[in-house]
Amino acid sequence: MAAEEVNKETDTFCEKLREQFVAVGRKVKLWEAWRIIQDSVARTVLLIEKEIGKSLSGPEKKAQAMASVEKVVKIVCNIIDLPVVPEWIEGYVDTYLQRFLMEVASGSIDAIVKTFHDTGVFPPKKEEE
């Protein structure tokens, strides 16, 4: 049930992105796109910990976070303005850009989880207790 809540929140966030950007044809710069993805990472990590944190292992939480963030990255890749890339080739570039952003998002998930543990936002890991 709680995993459904995480998916529902992610879908709501994605729908807002579609309304704000895709529906009106608005493009964003790369730094703005990264800010959207980072916001998604933070929201997702916090939501997973709140809703299903106790019932999943670390790798399971990471898999859930990656699945949620991937939905956002797919939308963001379609709204990034790449001024040096011709429109006709942008579709090919988007595929590689999505892979790259997912790799960086994976590292961001790890970094934010560590930061949340270090600052007391999340409880200490069991092996630290």
Protein backbone atom coordinates (compact mmCIF):
# COMPACT_ATOMS: atom_id res chain seq x y z
CA MET A 1 0.00 0.00 0.00
CA ALA A 2 2.73 2.50 0.91
CA ALA A 3 4.67 1.80 -2.32
CA GLU A 4 1.51 2.81 -4.16
CA GLU A 5 1.60 6.14 -2.31
CA VAL A 6 5.17 6.73 -3.52
CA ASN A 7 4.11 5.94 -7.11
CA LYS A 8 1.05 8.18 -6.78
CA GLU A 9 3.15 11.12 -5.54
CA THR A 10 5.65 10.62 -8.36
CA ASP A 11 2.87 10.49 -10.94
CA THR A 12 1.38 13.69 -9.51
CA PHE A 13 4.78 15.42 -9.72
CA CYS A 14 5.18 14.21 -13.32
CA GLU A 15 1.72 15.46 -14.25
CA LYS A 16 2.59 18.91 -12.88
CA LEU A 17 5.75 18.91 -15.00
CA ARG A 18 3.73 17.99 -18.08
CA GLU A 19 1.27 20.82 -17.39
CA GLN A 20 3.99 23.41 -16.73
CA PHE A 21 6.31 22.51 -19.57
CA VAL A 22 5.20 19.89 -22.10
CA ALA A 23 1.63 21.12 -22.61
CA VAL A 24 2.76 24.67 -23.34
CA GLY A 25 5.92 23.76 -25.25
CA ARG A 26 8.22 25.39 -22.69
CA LYS A 27 11.87 24.36 -22.72
CA VAL A 28 14.35 24.62 -19.86
CA LYS A 29 18.09 25.09 -19.70
CA LEU A 30 20.24 22.21 -18.52
CA TRP A 31 20.78 23.75 -15.06
CA GLU A 32 17.02 24.16 -14.62
CA ALA A 33 16.47 20.56 -15.66
CA TRP A 34 19.05 19.40 -13.13
CA ARG A 35 17.31 21.41 -10.41
CA ILE A 36 14.01 19.66 -11.24
CA ILE A 37 15.72 16.26 -11.07
CA GLN A 38 17.45 17.08 -7.76
CA ASP A 39 14.13 18.24 -6.31
CA SER A 40 12.62 14.95 -7.44
CA VAL A 41 15.46 12.99 -5.84
CA ALA A 42 15.06 14.74 -2.49
CA ARG A 43 11.27 14.41 -2.48
CA THR A 44 11.43 10.76 -3.48
CA VAL A 45 14.05 9.79 -0.90
CA LEU A 46 12.11 11.50 1.89
CA LEU A 47 8.81 9.98 0.78
CA ILE A 48 10.22 6.46 0.53
CA GLU A 49 11.75 6.70 3.99
CA LYS A 50 8.50 8.03 5.42
CA GLU A 51 6.12 5.63 3.69
CA ILE A 52 8.03 2.36 3.30
CA GLY A 53 11.43 2.90 4.87
CA LYS A 54 11.08 0.31 7.60
CA SER A 55 9.81 -2.43 5.30
CA LEU A 56 12.56 -2.26 2.65
CA SER A 57 16.29 -2.87 2.60
CA GLY A 58 18.67 -0.17 1.37
CA PRO A 59 18.97 -1.67 -2.13
CA GLU A 60 15.17 -2.01 -2.36
CA LYS A 61 14.72 1.64 -1.37
CA LYS A 62 17.30 2.65 -3.97
CA ALA A 63 15.50 0.62 -6.66
CA GLN A 64 12.20 2.29 -5.75
CA ALA A 65 13.84 5.72 -5.83
CA MET A 66 15.48 5.04 -9.19
CA ALA A 67 12.16 3.93 -10.69
CA SER A 68 10.47 7.10 -9.45
CA VAL A 69 13.25 9.43 -10.57
CA GLU A 70 13.40 7.75 -13.97
CA LYS A 71 9.83 8.88 -14.65
CA VAL A 72 10.88 12.47 -13.97
CA VAL A 73 14.08 12.19 -16.01
CA LYS A 74 12.14 10.96 -19.05
CA ILE A 75 9.95 14.05 -18.97
CA VAL A 76 12.86 16.39 -18.26
CA CYS A 77 14.87 15.03 -21.20
CA ASN A 78 12.03 16.08 -23.49
CA ILE A 79 11.95 19.65 -22.21
CA ILE A 80 15.67 20.43 -22.12
CA ASP A 81 16.73 23.04 -24.61
CA LEU A 82 19.98 22.00 -26.27
CA PRO A 83 20.79 25.05 -28.41
CA VAL A 84 23.90 23.57 -30.01
CA VAL A 85 22.11 20.39 -31.10
CA PRO A 86 19.95 20.52 -34.25
CA GLU A 87 16.30 19.61 -33.67
CA TRP A 88 16.44 16.62 -36.02
CA ILE A 89 19.21 14.96 -33.98
CA GLU A 90 17.92 15.91 -30.54
CA GLY A 91 15.91 12.67 -30.21
CA TYR A 92 19.09 10.62 -30.45
CA VAL A 93 20.90 12.86 -27.99
CA ASP A 94 17.98 12.61 -25.55
CA THR A 95 18.51 8.86 -25.23
CA TYR A 96 22.13 9.30 -24.16
CA LEU A 97 21.31 12.32 -22.04
CA GLN A 98 18.68 10.28 -20.18
CA ARG A 99 21.21 7.52 -19.45
CA PHE A 100 23.74 10.08 -18.24
CA LEU A 101 21.22 11.87 -16.02
CA MET A 102 20.11 8.56 -14.51
CA GLU A 103 23.71 7.70 -13.62
CA VAL A 104 24.19 11.07 -12.00
CA ALA A 105 20.80 10.79 -10.25
CA SER A 106 21.88 7.43 -8.83
CA GLY A 107 24.90 9.09 -7.24
CA SER A 108 22.70 11.92 -6.01
CA ILE A 109 20.38 9.45 -4.29
CA ASP A 110 23.35 7.91 -2.49
CA ALA A 111 24.70 11.33 -1.53
CA ILE A 112 21.41 12.65 -0.20
CA VAL A 113 20.73 9.49 1.80
CA LYS A 114 24.19 9.76 3.36
CA THR A 115 23.64 13.44 4.11
CA PHE A 116 20.25 12.70 5.69
CA HIS A 117 21.84 10.00 7.87
CA ASP A 118 24.77 12.24 8.83
CA THR A 119 22.55 15.18 9.76
CA GLY A 120 19.96 13.19 11.68
CA VAL A 121 17.12 13.59 9.19
CA PHE A 122 17.10 9.78 8.94
CA PRO A 123 17.88 7.50 11.88
CA PRO A 124 21.39 6.01 11.99
CA LYS A 125 21.99 2.86 9.97
CA LYS A 126 21.62 -0.32 11.99
CA GLU A 127 25.27 -1.29 11.65
CA GLU A 128 26.19 2.10 13.23
CA GLU A 129 24.06 1.59 16.34
